[in-house]
N, C-alpha and C. Protein backbone atom coordinates (compact mmCIF):
# COMPACT_ATOMS: atom_id res chain seq x y z
N MET A 1 -4.11 68.29 2.79
CA MET A 1 -3.77 68.68 4.16
C MET A 1 -2.07 69.01 3.71
N GLY A 2 -1.40 70.47 4.21
CA GLY A 2 -0.02 70.32 4.34
C GLY A 2 0.87 69.66 5.26
N LYS A 3 1.92 69.64 5.17
CA LYS A 3 3.03 69.00 5.10
C LYS A 3 2.97 69.08 6.80
N LYS A 4 2.90 70.14 7.45
CA LYS A 4 3.42 70.82 8.62
C LYS A 4 1.86 70.29 9.43
N ALA A 5 0.57 70.47 8.87
CA ALA A 5 -0.58 69.75 9.42
C ALA A 5 -0.55 68.43 9.57
N VAL A 6 0.02 67.66 8.47
CA VAL A 6 0.11 66.41 8.59
C VAL A 6 0.81 65.89 9.70
N GLN A 7 1.83 66.88 9.95
CA GLN A 7 3.04 66.56 10.95
C GLN A 7 2.45 66.42 12.21
N LEU A 8 1.71 67.87 12.27
CA LEU A 8 0.89 68.34 13.80
C LEU A 8 -0.18 66.75 14.04
N ARG A 9 -0.94 66.42 13.20
CA ARG A 9 -1.31 65.81 13.80
C ARG A 9 -0.73 63.94 14.10
N SER A 10 -0.07 63.48 13.12
CA SER A 10 1.09 62.97 13.98
C SER A 10 1.28 62.79 15.07
N GLN A 11 1.53 64.19 15.31
CA GLN A 11 2.18 64.24 16.65
C GLN A 11 0.81 64.13 17.86
N LYS A 12 -0.67 64.74 17.73
CA LYS A 12 -1.46 64.38 18.10
C LYS A 12 -1.55 62.65 18.31
N LEU A 13 -1.21 61.96 16.87
CA LEU A 13 -2.12 60.73 17.01
C LEU A 13 -0.79 59.85 18.04
N GLU A 14 0.21 60.41 18.11
CA GLU A 14 1.27 59.41 18.23
C GLU A 14 1.23 58.95 20.38
N PRO A 15 0.68 60.05 21.13
CA PRO A 15 0.74 59.70 22.38
C PRO A 15 -0.98 58.66 22.44
N SER A 16 -1.74 58.70 22.08
CA SER A 16 -2.49 57.88 21.86
C SER A 16 -2.24 56.76 21.56
N ARG A 17 -1.26 56.07 20.55
CA ARG A 17 -0.89 55.21 19.71
C ARG A 17 0.04 54.38 21.09
N ARG A 18 1.07 55.14 21.78
CA ARG A 18 1.35 54.93 22.35
C ARG A 18 1.11 54.56 24.33
N GLU A 19 -0.21 55.25 24.28
CA GLU A 19 -1.18 54.65 25.29
C GLU A 19 -1.80 53.23 24.98
N GLN A 20 -2.19 53.30 23.57
CA GLN A 20 -2.82 52.33 23.44
C GLN A 20 -2.18 50.78 23.61
N LYS A 21 -0.58 50.89 22.70
CA LYS A 21 0.12 49.93 23.42
C LYS A 21 0.68 49.75 24.93
N ARG A 22 0.70 50.43 25.55
CA ARG A 22 1.10 50.51 26.91
C ARG A 22 -0.36 49.59 27.54
N GLU A 23 -1.27 50.30 27.16
CA GLU A 23 -2.83 49.46 27.68
C GLU A 23 -2.57 47.96 27.41
N GLN A 24 -2.60 47.42 26.35
CA GLN A 24 -2.32 46.44 26.01
C GLN A 24 -1.45 45.42 26.47
N THR A 25 -0.28 46.14 26.42
CA THR A 25 0.99 45.49 27.21
C THR A 25 0.46 44.58 29.09
N ARG A 26 -0.18 46.40 29.41
CA ARG A 26 -0.79 45.91 30.93
C ARG A 26 -1.80 44.71 31.12
N GLU A 27 -2.99 44.80 29.86
CA GLU A 27 -4.39 43.64 29.85
C GLU A 27 -2.90 42.48 29.59
N ALA A 28 -2.08 41.73 28.85
CA ALA A 28 -1.94 40.60 28.22
C ALA A 28 -1.10 40.45 29.57
N LEU A 29 -0.42 41.15 30.53
CA LEU A 29 0.49 40.41 31.45
C LEU A 29 -0.54 40.41 32.66
N MET A 30 -1.73 40.65 32.75
CA MET A 30 -2.28 40.52 33.76
C MET A 30 -4.04 39.29 33.62
N GLU A 31 -3.74 39.37 31.84
CA GLU A 31 -4.51 37.84 31.71
C GLU A 31 -3.43 36.54 32.04
N ALA A 32 -2.32 36.72 31.52
CA ALA A 32 -1.29 36.04 31.62
C ALA A 32 -1.65 35.90 33.03
N ALA A 33 -1.17 36.25 34.29
CA ALA A 33 -1.12 35.97 35.30
C ALA A 33 -2.88 35.09 35.71
N ALA A 34 -4.02 36.12 35.22
CA ALA A 34 -5.18 35.09 35.40
C ALA A 34 -4.73 33.77 34.93
N VAL A 35 -4.75 33.31 33.85
CA VAL A 35 -4.34 32.17 33.12
C VAL A 35 -4.12 31.23 33.83
N ILE A 36 -2.48 31.80 34.62
CA ILE A 36 -1.71 30.87 35.28
C ILE A 36 -2.40 30.39 36.58
N ILE A 37 -3.04 31.36 37.38
CA ILE A 37 -3.81 31.19 38.51
C ILE A 37 -5.06 29.96 38.53
N ALA A 38 -5.96 30.18 37.34
CA ALA A 38 -6.66 29.39 37.00
C ALA A 38 -6.62 27.84 36.76
N GLU A 39 -5.26 27.66 35.65
CA GLU A 39 -4.41 26.35 35.57
C GLU A 39 -3.78 25.87 36.75
N GLN A 40 -2.96 27.32 37.70
CA GLN A 40 -2.62 26.21 38.24
C GLN A 40 -1.91 26.42 39.96
N GLY A 41 -3.26 27.79 39.99
CA GLY A 41 -3.14 27.85 41.44
C GLY A 41 -2.22 28.94 41.52
N PHE A 42 -1.92 29.90 42.54
CA PHE A 42 -1.74 31.31 42.49
C PHE A 42 -0.06 31.38 42.95
N ALA A 43 0.16 30.13 43.73
CA ALA A 43 1.81 29.94 43.75
C ALA A 43 3.01 29.49 42.58
N ALA A 44 1.24 29.22 41.40
CA ALA A 44 2.55 29.21 40.06
C ALA A 44 2.88 30.49 39.70
N ALA A 45 1.84 31.71 39.70
CA ALA A 45 2.33 32.65 39.14
C ALA A 45 3.30 33.88 39.63
N THR A 46 4.59 32.82 39.05
CA THR A 46 5.77 34.27 39.35
C THR A 46 5.57 34.82 38.28
N LEU A 47 6.70 36.02 38.96
CA LEU A 47 7.44 37.17 37.62
C LEU A 47 7.85 36.33 36.66
N VAL A 48 8.43 35.57 36.45
CA VAL A 48 9.07 34.66 35.27
C VAL A 48 8.27 33.86 34.44
N ARG A 49 7.17 33.46 35.34
CA ARG A 49 6.06 32.75 34.37
C ARG A 49 4.94 33.51 33.53
N ILE A 50 4.93 34.79 34.24
CA ILE A 50 3.95 35.67 33.83
C ILE A 50 4.30 36.67 32.75
N THR A 51 5.62 36.87 32.90
CA THR A 51 6.31 37.67 31.60
C THR A 51 6.52 36.60 30.40
N GLU A 52 6.77 34.96 30.87
CA GLU A 52 6.86 34.28 29.82
C GLU A 52 5.27 34.47 28.72
N ARG A 53 4.57 34.18 29.66
CA ARG A 53 3.34 33.40 29.30
C ARG A 53 2.75 34.79 28.19
N ALA A 54 2.85 36.06 29.05
CA ALA A 54 2.71 37.38 28.09
C ALA A 54 3.69 37.77 27.12
N ASN A 55 4.60 36.94 26.82
CA ASN A 55 5.30 37.17 26.04
C ASN A 55 6.14 38.82 26.25
N ILE A 56 6.49 39.47 27.21
CA ILE A 56 7.40 40.05 27.84
C ILE A 56 8.43 40.46 28.60
N ALA A 57 9.30 40.83 28.39
CA ALA A 57 10.77 41.07 28.82
C ALA A 57 10.58 40.85 30.23
N LEU A 58 10.98 40.45 30.88
CA LEU A 58 11.05 40.27 32.18
C LEU A 58 11.57 41.28 32.91
N GLY A 59 12.70 42.40 32.52
CA GLY A 59 13.06 43.85 33.47
C GLY A 59 11.14 44.60 32.52
N THR A 60 10.38 44.49 31.81
CA THR A 60 9.98 45.38 30.91
C THR A 60 8.48 45.38 32.25
N PHE A 61 8.48 44.63 32.91
CA PHE A 61 7.62 43.90 33.68
C PHE A 61 7.49 45.54 34.97
N TYR A 62 8.69 45.54 35.02
CA TYR A 62 8.26 46.74 36.00
C TYR A 62 8.37 48.27 35.33
N ASN A 63 8.36 48.61 34.30
CA ASN A 63 7.63 49.63 33.61
C ASN A 63 5.71 50.05 33.91
N TYR A 64 5.00 48.71 34.26
CA TYR A 64 4.01 48.70 34.61
C TYR A 64 3.00 48.28 35.89
N PHE A 65 4.23 47.64 36.27
CA PHE A 65 3.73 47.21 38.26
C PHE A 65 5.04 47.15 39.07
N GLU A 66 4.78 47.91 39.94
CA GLU A 66 5.74 47.39 41.01
C GLU A 66 6.30 46.20 41.55
N SER A 67 5.28 45.29 40.97
CA SER A 67 5.16 44.01 41.73
C SER A 67 3.85 43.39 41.20
N THR A 68 4.49 41.92 41.79
CA THR A 68 3.22 41.01 41.20
C THR A 68 2.30 41.01 42.08
N ASP A 69 2.75 41.69 43.22
CA ASP A 69 1.05 41.95 44.42
C ASP A 69 -0.02 43.34 43.83
N ALA A 70 1.20 44.36 43.45
CA ALA A 70 0.45 45.32 42.78
C ALA A 70 -0.66 44.55 41.37
N LEU A 71 -0.23 44.01 40.08
CA LEU A 71 -0.44 43.06 39.20
C LEU A 71 -1.76 42.58 39.92
N PHE A 72 -1.42 41.92 40.80
CA PHE A 72 -2.52 40.38 41.33
C PHE A 72 -3.88 41.55 41.58
N ALA A 73 -3.57 42.86 42.61
CA ALA A 73 -4.18 44.07 43.06
C ALA A 73 -5.30 44.50 41.91
N GLU A 74 -4.67 44.89 41.07
CA GLU A 74 -5.27 45.49 39.69
C GLU A 74 -6.23 44.22 38.62
N LEU A 75 -5.22 43.23 39.17
CA LEU A 75 -6.52 42.56 38.10
C LEU A 75 -7.10 42.01 38.67
N MET A 76 -7.64 41.80 40.06
CA MET A 76 -8.78 41.98 40.65
C MET A 76 -10.28 43.15 40.63
N ASP A 77 -9.19 44.57 41.13
CA ASP A 77 -10.04 45.43 40.44
C ASP A 77 -10.62 45.81 39.30
N SER A 78 -9.74 45.32 38.56
CA SER A 78 -10.26 45.39 37.12
C SER A 78 -11.10 44.54 36.11
N TYR A 79 -11.19 42.95 36.52
CA TYR A 79 -11.75 42.99 36.36
C TYR A 79 -13.21 42.76 37.13
N GLY A 80 -13.05 43.17 38.51
CA GLY A 80 -14.47 43.12 39.22
C GLY A 80 -15.13 44.19 38.58
N SER A 81 -14.35 45.00 37.90
CA SER A 81 -15.55 46.73 37.44
C SER A 81 -15.66 46.19 36.17
N ARG A 82 -15.09 45.31 35.42
CA ARG A 82 -15.96 44.98 34.21
C ARG A 82 -16.97 44.11 34.16
N LEU A 83 -17.09 43.24 35.06
CA LEU A 83 -18.13 42.59 35.48
C LEU A 83 -19.19 43.15 35.91
N ARG A 84 -19.18 43.72 36.80
CA ARG A 84 -20.11 45.47 37.52
C ARG A 84 -20.57 45.68 36.39
N SER A 85 -19.89 46.33 35.19
CA SER A 85 -20.47 47.19 33.77
C SER A 85 -20.75 46.22 33.56
N SER A 86 -20.77 45.34 33.06
CA SER A 86 -21.55 43.65 31.96
C SER A 86 -23.01 43.79 32.47
N ILE A 87 -23.17 43.35 34.23
CA ILE A 87 -24.38 42.87 34.58
C ILE A 87 -25.25 44.69 33.95
N LYS A 88 -24.25 45.29 35.06
CA LYS A 88 -25.23 46.30 34.40
C LYS A 88 -25.66 46.99 33.18
N ALA A 89 -25.29 46.80 32.02
CA ALA A 89 -25.64 46.76 30.84
C ALA A 89 -26.66 46.09 30.59
N SER A 90 -26.32 45.05 31.21
CA SER A 90 -27.72 43.46 31.09
C SER A 90 -28.68 44.18 30.97
N VAL A 91 -28.99 45.29 32.61
CA VAL A 91 -30.00 44.78 32.93
C VAL A 91 -31.29 45.86 32.68
N PRO A 92 -32.22 45.70 31.85
CA PRO A 92 -32.93 46.96 31.26
C PRO A 92 -33.29 47.49 31.90
N ALA A 93 -33.61 48.93 31.24
CA ALA A 93 -34.38 50.58 32.44
C ALA A 93 -35.62 49.88 32.89
N ASN A 94 -35.29 49.75 34.29
CA ASN A 94 -36.31 50.02 35.06
C ASN A 94 -36.99 48.94 35.33
N ALA A 95 -36.54 47.77 34.86
CA ALA A 95 -36.48 46.74 35.67
C ALA A 95 -36.70 46.46 37.05
N GLY A 96 -38.05 45.46 37.33
CA GLY A 96 -38.08 45.01 38.95
C GLY A 96 -36.75 44.42 39.31
N PHE A 97 -37.19 43.79 40.63
CA PHE A 97 -36.62 42.74 41.11
C PHE A 97 -35.81 41.68 40.54
N PHE A 98 -37.46 40.78 40.71
CA PHE A 98 -37.07 39.93 40.17
C PHE A 98 -36.46 39.35 38.41
N GLU A 99 -36.91 40.36 37.64
CA GLU A 99 -36.61 40.48 36.25
C GLU A 99 -35.10 41.28 36.05
N ARG A 100 -34.76 42.01 37.12
CA ARG A 100 -33.33 42.30 37.33
C ARG A 100 -32.66 41.21 37.62
N GLU A 101 -32.26 39.94 38.25
CA GLU A 101 -31.62 39.14 38.92
C GLU A 101 -31.49 38.47 38.02
N GLU A 102 -32.71 37.79 36.90
CA GLU A 102 -32.35 37.15 36.25
C GLU A 102 -31.94 37.81 35.27
N ALA A 103 -31.62 38.82 34.44
CA ALA A 103 -30.48 39.13 33.34
C ALA A 103 -29.22 39.63 34.20
N ALA A 104 -29.42 39.78 35.29
CA ALA A 104 -27.53 39.88 36.30
C ALA A 104 -27.38 38.04 36.20
N PHE A 105 -27.99 37.21 36.29
CA PHE A 105 -27.76 36.23 36.11
C PHE A 105 -27.10 35.31 34.88
N ARG A 106 -28.15 35.91 34.14
CA ARG A 106 -27.00 35.73 32.70
C ARG A 106 -26.25 36.46 32.26
N ALA A 107 -25.81 37.51 32.45
CA ALA A 107 -25.07 37.95 32.10
C ALA A 107 -23.36 37.56 32.92
N TRP A 108 -24.01 36.69 33.98
CA TRP A 108 -22.40 36.19 34.67
C TRP A 108 -22.10 35.33 34.01
N PHE A 109 -22.75 34.59 34.04
CA PHE A 109 -22.48 32.98 32.63
C PHE A 109 -21.93 33.70 31.84
N LYS A 110 -22.41 35.01 31.09
CA LYS A 110 -21.70 35.40 29.85
C LYS A 110 -20.44 35.95 30.10
N PHE A 111 -19.88 36.43 31.39
CA PHE A 111 -18.72 36.98 31.47
C PHE A 111 -17.88 36.06 31.93
N LEU A 112 -18.46 34.68 32.43
CA LEU A 112 -17.66 33.90 32.75
C LEU A 112 -17.23 32.66 31.45
N HIS A 113 -17.57 33.25 30.72
CA HIS A 113 -17.83 32.44 29.29
C HIS A 113 -16.57 33.05 28.48
N GLN A 114 -16.96 34.50 28.47
CA GLN A 114 -15.69 35.30 27.87
C GLN A 114 -14.33 35.43 28.68
N HIS A 115 -14.41 34.98 30.38
CA HIS A 115 -13.30 35.33 31.15
C HIS A 115 -13.15 33.93 32.01
N PRO A 116 -12.89 32.99 31.51
CA PRO A 116 -13.49 31.36 32.18
C PRO A 116 -12.83 30.98 32.96
N PHE A 117 -11.30 32.21 33.28
CA PHE A 117 -10.89 31.77 35.00
C PHE A 117 -10.78 32.98 35.82
N PHE A 118 -12.02 33.78 35.39
CA PHE A 118 -12.14 34.54 36.31
C PHE A 118 -12.50 33.98 38.15
N VAL A 119 -13.43 32.58 37.86
CA VAL A 119 -13.49 32.22 39.08
C VAL A 119 -12.87 31.55 39.71
N ARG A 120 -12.05 31.08 39.50
CA ARG A 120 -10.87 30.46 40.08
C ARG A 120 -9.94 31.32 40.54
N VAL A 121 -9.68 32.91 39.65
CA VAL A 121 -8.82 33.79 40.56
C VAL A 121 -9.60 34.37 41.18
N LEU A 122 -11.23 34.29 41.32
CA LEU A 122 -12.10 35.49 42.51
C LEU A 122 -11.63 34.31 44.00
N ASN A 123 -11.19 32.64 43.60
CA ASN A 123 -11.78 31.66 44.78
C ASN A 123 -9.91 31.73 45.49
N GLU A 124 -9.23 32.08 44.48
CA GLU A 124 -8.04 32.20 45.42
C GLU A 124 -7.43 33.91 45.73
N ALA A 125 -8.49 35.04 45.17
CA ALA A 125 -8.05 36.19 45.71
C ALA A 125 -7.63 36.52 47.03
N GLU A 126 -8.71 35.99 47.75
CA GLU A 126 -8.94 36.18 49.54
C GLU A 126 -7.13 35.97 49.90
N ILE A 127 -7.01 34.68 49.47
CA ILE A 127 -5.25 34.88 49.87
C ILE A 127 -3.77 35.56 49.14
N PHE A 128 -4.39 35.68 47.62
CA PHE A 128 -3.15 36.15 47.30
C PHE A 128 -3.12 38.03 47.64
N SER A 129 -4.38 38.35 47.07
CA SER A 129 -4.54 39.88 47.29
C SER A 129 -6.14 39.92 48.20
N PRO A 130 -5.66 40.06 49.32
CA PRO A 130 -6.58 40.12 50.35
C PRO A 130 -7.86 41.55 50.62
N ASP A 131 -7.04 42.39 50.21
CA ASP A 131 -7.20 43.59 50.15
C ASP A 131 -8.36 44.06 48.50
N ALA A 132 -7.40 43.44 47.79
CA ALA A 132 -8.72 43.78 46.40
C ALA A 132 -9.92 42.77 46.11
N PHE A 133 -9.53 41.58 47.24
CA PHE A 133 -10.74 41.09 47.66
C PHE A 133 -12.17 41.42 48.07
N GLU A 134 -11.01 42.43 49.39
CA GLU A 134 -12.30 42.23 50.27
C GLU A 134 -12.62 43.82 49.40
N ARG A 135 -12.26 44.11 48.42
CA ARG A 135 -12.89 45.56 47.97
C ARG A 135 -14.42 44.83 46.87
N TYR A 136 -13.52 43.50 46.14
CA TYR A 136 -14.65 43.40 45.16
C TYR A 136 -16.05 42.93 46.00
N PHE A 137 -15.41 42.03 47.11
CA PHE A 137 -17.00 41.65 47.80
C PHE A 137 -17.63 42.59 48.09
N GLU A 138 -17.26 43.89 48.99
CA GLU A 138 -17.74 44.57 49.61
C GLU A 138 -18.43 45.43 48.11
N SER A 139 -18.06 45.19 47.14
CA SER A 139 -19.15 45.94 45.89
C SER A 139 -20.33 45.24 45.91
N ILE A 140 -20.29 43.96 45.56
CA ILE A 140 -21.03 43.19 45.26
C ILE A 140 -21.90 43.13 46.47
N THR A 141 -21.29 42.72 47.60
CA THR A 141 -22.73 42.91 48.30
C THR A 141 -23.30 43.61 48.94
N GLY A 142 -22.42 45.18 48.72
CA GLY A 142 -23.02 46.19 48.97
C GLY A 142 -24.28 46.62 47.49
N GLY A 143 -24.35 46.20 46.82
CA GLY A 143 -24.83 46.65 45.40
C GLY A 143 -26.27 45.57 46.04
N TYR A 144 -26.18 44.21 46.15
CA TYR A 144 -27.18 43.50 47.08
C TYR A 144 -28.10 43.70 47.85
N ARG A 145 -27.50 44.71 48.75
CA ARG A 145 -27.99 45.20 50.08
C ARG A 145 -28.72 46.87 49.80
N ARG A 146 -28.23 47.22 48.98
CA ARG A 146 -29.26 48.20 48.66
C ARG A 146 -29.94 47.77 47.43
N ILE A 147 -30.21 46.78 46.81
CA ILE A 147 -31.16 46.37 46.09
C ILE A 147 -32.27 45.80 47.12
N LEU A 148 -31.63 44.94 47.88
CA LEU A 148 -32.57 44.35 48.69
C LEU A 148 -33.76 45.32 49.17
N LYS A 149 -33.09 45.92 49.79
CA LYS A 149 -33.41 47.37 51.02
C LYS A 149 -34.44 48.07 50.22
N HIS A 150 -34.17 48.29 48.70
CA HIS A 150 -35.11 49.02 47.73
C HIS A 150 -36.56 48.45 47.48
N SER A 151 -36.00 47.27 47.31
CA SER A 151 -36.94 46.36 46.48
C SER A 151 -38.17 45.88 47.99
N ALA A 152 -37.70 45.60 49.13
CA ALA A 152 -38.55 45.19 50.10
C ALA A 152 -39.32 46.64 50.44
N SER A 153 -38.61 48.19 50.27
CA SER A 153 -39.51 49.18 50.86
C SER A 153 -40.41 49.15 49.77
N THR A 154 -40.51 48.95 48.43
CA THR A 154 -41.41 49.27 47.69
C THR A 154 -41.99 48.30 47.91
N GLY A 155 -42.94 47.26 48.01
CA GLY A 155 -43.08 45.76 47.78
C GLY A 155 -42.88 44.94 47.20
N GLU A 156 -42.24 44.74 46.44
CA GLU A 156 -41.31 44.11 44.79
C GLU A 156 -41.45 42.73 45.83
N ILE A 157 -40.63 42.95 46.30
CA ILE A 157 -40.24 40.98 47.41
C ILE A 157 -40.88 41.44 48.89
N ARG A 158 -40.59 40.67 49.55
CA ARG A 158 -41.45 40.29 51.05
C ARG A 158 -40.41 41.59 52.01
N LYS A 159 -41.08 42.10 53.59
CA LYS A 159 -40.11 42.38 54.05
C LYS A 159 -38.85 41.91 54.48
N LEU A 160 -38.20 42.33 54.33
CA LEU A 160 -36.90 41.54 55.33
C LEU A 160 -36.48 42.48 56.43
N LYS A 161 -36.35 41.53 57.48
CA LYS A 161 -35.89 41.90 58.95
C LYS A 161 -34.71 41.78 59.52
N GLY A 162 -34.05 42.61 60.17
CA GLY A 162 -32.55 42.31 61.37
C GLY A 162 -31.52 42.10 60.05
N HIS A 163 -31.24 41.06 60.49
CA HIS A 163 -30.11 40.44 59.85
C HIS A 163 -30.40 39.95 58.14
N GLU A 164 -31.41 40.06 57.96
CA GLU A 164 -32.13 39.12 56.81
C GLU A 164 -31.65 39.71 55.84
N ILE A 165 -31.24 40.91 55.54
CA ILE A 165 -31.00 41.61 53.83
C ILE A 165 -29.75 40.77 53.86
N GLU A 166 -28.23 40.92 55.39
CA GLU A 166 -27.23 40.66 55.09
C GLU A 166 -26.96 38.73 54.54
N ALA A 167 -28.06 37.97 55.28
CA ALA A 167 -27.92 37.04 54.79
C ALA A 167 -28.23 36.84 53.26
N VAL A 168 -29.70 37.48 52.89
CA VAL A 168 -30.18 37.00 51.84
C VAL A 168 -29.10 37.21 50.54
N ALA A 169 -27.94 38.72 51.19
CA ALA A 169 -26.90 39.00 49.84
C ALA A 169 -25.89 38.04 49.90
N LEU A 170 -25.72 37.44 51.10
CA LEU A 170 -24.45 36.37 50.75
C LEU A 170 -24.67 35.26 50.27
N MET A 171 -26.66 34.97 50.62
CA MET A 171 -26.78 33.57 49.85
C MET A 171 -26.50 34.39 48.42
N LEU A 172 -27.27 35.17 47.75
CA LEU A 172 -27.60 35.28 46.48
C LEU A 172 -25.82 35.65 45.68
N MET A 173 -25.39 35.85 46.38
CA MET A 173 -23.58 35.94 45.75
C MET A 173 -22.72 34.47 45.97
N ALA A 174 -23.03 33.27 46.68
CA ALA A 174 -22.59 32.36 47.36
C ALA A 174 -23.10 32.13 46.18
N GLN A 175 -24.38 31.57 45.45
CA GLN A 175 -25.33 30.84 44.75
C GLN A 175 -24.83 30.99 43.37
N ARG A 176 -24.91 32.20 42.75
CA ARG A 176 -24.36 32.36 41.59
C ARG A 176 -22.64 32.22 41.59
N SER A 177 -21.70 32.48 42.43
CA SER A 177 -20.43 31.88 42.38
C SER A 177 -20.63 30.55 42.11
N PHE A 178 -21.19 29.56 43.09
CA PHE A 178 -20.85 28.07 42.95
C PHE A 178 -21.30 27.33 41.66
N TYR A 179 -22.56 28.16 41.32
CA TYR A 179 -23.25 27.52 39.95
C TYR A 179 -21.93 27.80 38.97
N GLY A 180 -21.38 29.34 38.42
CA GLY A 180 -20.67 29.60 37.72
C GLY A 180 -19.48 29.03 37.98
N LEU A 181 -19.25 27.99 39.19
CA LEU A 181 -17.67 27.36 39.24
C LEU A 181 -18.19 25.68 38.80
N ARG A 182 -19.35 25.38 39.24
CA ARG A 182 -19.64 24.06 38.92
C ARG A 182 -21.02 23.35 38.03
N LEU A 183 -21.45 24.95 36.84
CA LEU A 183 -21.94 24.10 35.78
C LEU A 183 -21.85 24.63 34.70
N LYS A 184 -20.77 24.57 34.48
CA LYS A 184 -19.95 25.13 33.08
C LYS A 184 -20.38 24.19 32.34
N SER A 185 -20.52 22.85 32.41
CA SER A 185 -21.95 22.42 30.69
C SER A 185 -22.46 23.20 30.72
N TYR A 186 -23.60 23.62 31.33
CA TYR A 186 -24.93 23.97 30.85
C TYR A 186 -24.73 25.70 30.30
N VAL A 187 -23.17 25.70 29.63
CA VAL A 187 -23.32 27.19 29.37
C VAL A 187 -23.46 26.50 27.84
N SER A 188 -24.12 27.47 26.73
CA SER A 188 -23.55 27.30 25.26
C SER A 188 -22.09 27.82 24.61
N SER A 189 -22.41 27.52 23.31
CA SER A 189 -21.05 27.83 23.18
C SER A 189 -20.91 29.71 22.68
N ASN A 190 -21.94 29.90 22.89
CA ASN A 190 -21.98 32.26 22.98
C ASN A 190 -22.64 32.45 24.20
N GLY A 191 -22.09 31.34 25.20
CA GLY A 191 -22.36 31.88 26.97
C GLY A 191 -23.43 32.21 27.07
N GLU A 192 -24.42 31.19 26.89
CA GLU A 192 -26.25 31.33 27.29
C GLU A 192 -26.03 30.48 27.98
N ILE A 193 -27.04 30.21 29.46
CA ILE A 193 -26.70 29.33 30.33
C ILE A 193 -28.10 28.61 30.15
N ASP A 194 -27.87 27.48 30.36
CA ASP A 194 -29.18 26.17 30.14
C ASP A 194 -30.51 27.28 30.68
N ALA A 195 -31.80 27.44 29.94
CA ALA A 195 -32.82 27.69 30.37
C ALA A 195 -33.42 26.87 31.71
N ARG A 196 -33.49 25.81 31.97
CA ARG A 196 -33.71 24.67 32.86
C ARG A 196 -32.63 25.42 34.32
N ILE A 197 -31.49 25.83 34.35
CA ILE A 197 -30.86 26.39 35.23
C ILE A 197 -31.34 27.70 35.19
N VAL A 198 -31.56 28.78 34.49
CA VAL A 198 -32.62 29.73 34.82
C VAL A 198 -33.72 29.90 35.75
N ALA A 199 -34.74 28.31 35.23
CA ALA A 199 -36.13 28.67 36.00
C ALA A 199 -35.75 28.21 37.78
N ILE A 200 -34.97 27.34 37.36
CA ILE A 200 -34.08 26.72 39.20
C ILE A 200 -33.73 27.85 40.03
N TYR A 201 -33.08 28.89 39.11
CA TYR A 201 -32.97 30.28 40.27
C TYR A 201 -33.57 30.83 40.01
N ASN A 202 -34.79 31.68 39.58
CA ASN A 202 -36.13 32.12 39.45
C ASN A 202 -37.01 31.36 40.58
N ASP A 203 -36.66 30.40 40.35
CA ASP A 203 -37.83 29.87 41.32
C ASP A 203 -37.28 29.63 43.12
N ILE A 204 -35.96 29.39 42.82
CA ILE A 204 -35.73 29.58 44.26
C ILE A 204 -35.83 31.39 44.76
N LEU A 205 -35.76 31.86 44.29
CA LEU A 205 -35.27 33.31 44.52
C LEU A 205 -37.10 33.99 44.58
N HIS A 206 -38.15 33.17 43.62
CA HIS A 206 -39.53 33.93 44.70
C HIS A 206 -39.90 32.82 45.30
N ARG A 207 -39.54 31.51 45.47
CA ARG A 207 -39.61 31.03 46.55
C ARG A 207 -39.41 31.48 48.37
N THR A 208 -38.01 32.35 47.98
CA THR A 208 -37.58 33.20 49.02
C THR A 208 -37.98 34.26 49.03
N LEU A 209 -37.89 34.79 48.48
CA LEU A 209 -38.39 36.70 48.60
C LEU A 209 -39.88 37.09 47.61
N ALA A 210 -40.72 36.22 47.36
CA ALA A 210 -41.77 36.96 46.92
C ALA A 210 -42.79 37.90 47.83
N ALA A 211 -43.05 38.56 47.89
CA ALA A 211 -43.80 39.54 48.64
C ALA A 211 -44.72 38.33 49.19
N GLU A 212 -45.20 38.73 50.88
CA GLU A 212 -46.48 37.64 51.29
C GLU A 212 -47.67 38.34 50.63
């Protein structure tokens, strides 16, 4: 390969490397904020503490985010999207309702094992980033509504009437959140939730939603 070709190739690669570095810095700032919120609460997640924890110069912060509020919003949007992608990838193709829910339940705990700060961040997000929290909340409950409606219409679960779909969607979302908050000791070193907890969850689902 000639010298000119090497230079051209290097020029093509360079923007990609810069972008990669930029993304790593953004990620470091978001994770620093998340860990501070998880350990000390939202009030402690100041600009100074975030940049110190991320080991990034204070003035550099504004090359990535307009404000800490913008960072908090992106933090919720980003990790909410990762959670949904992680759960989607865990569900077998053409899975039925109960098989899907078990796979999603297990994936939830694996995600929390990889991102242990997420539940605390989620619990405080309604205060420190209400718009982003609402987007997250609606994306999860909206997904449950669609699944419940479809599964009820195909006979996989019992018929749900009126406000039942909304009530069940909220129940499933709340149950998973509180399990994640309180049952950390039942998660193995590789992120697997204890089979006894899965059995309890499945039993509740079947008792509540099995077709009559």
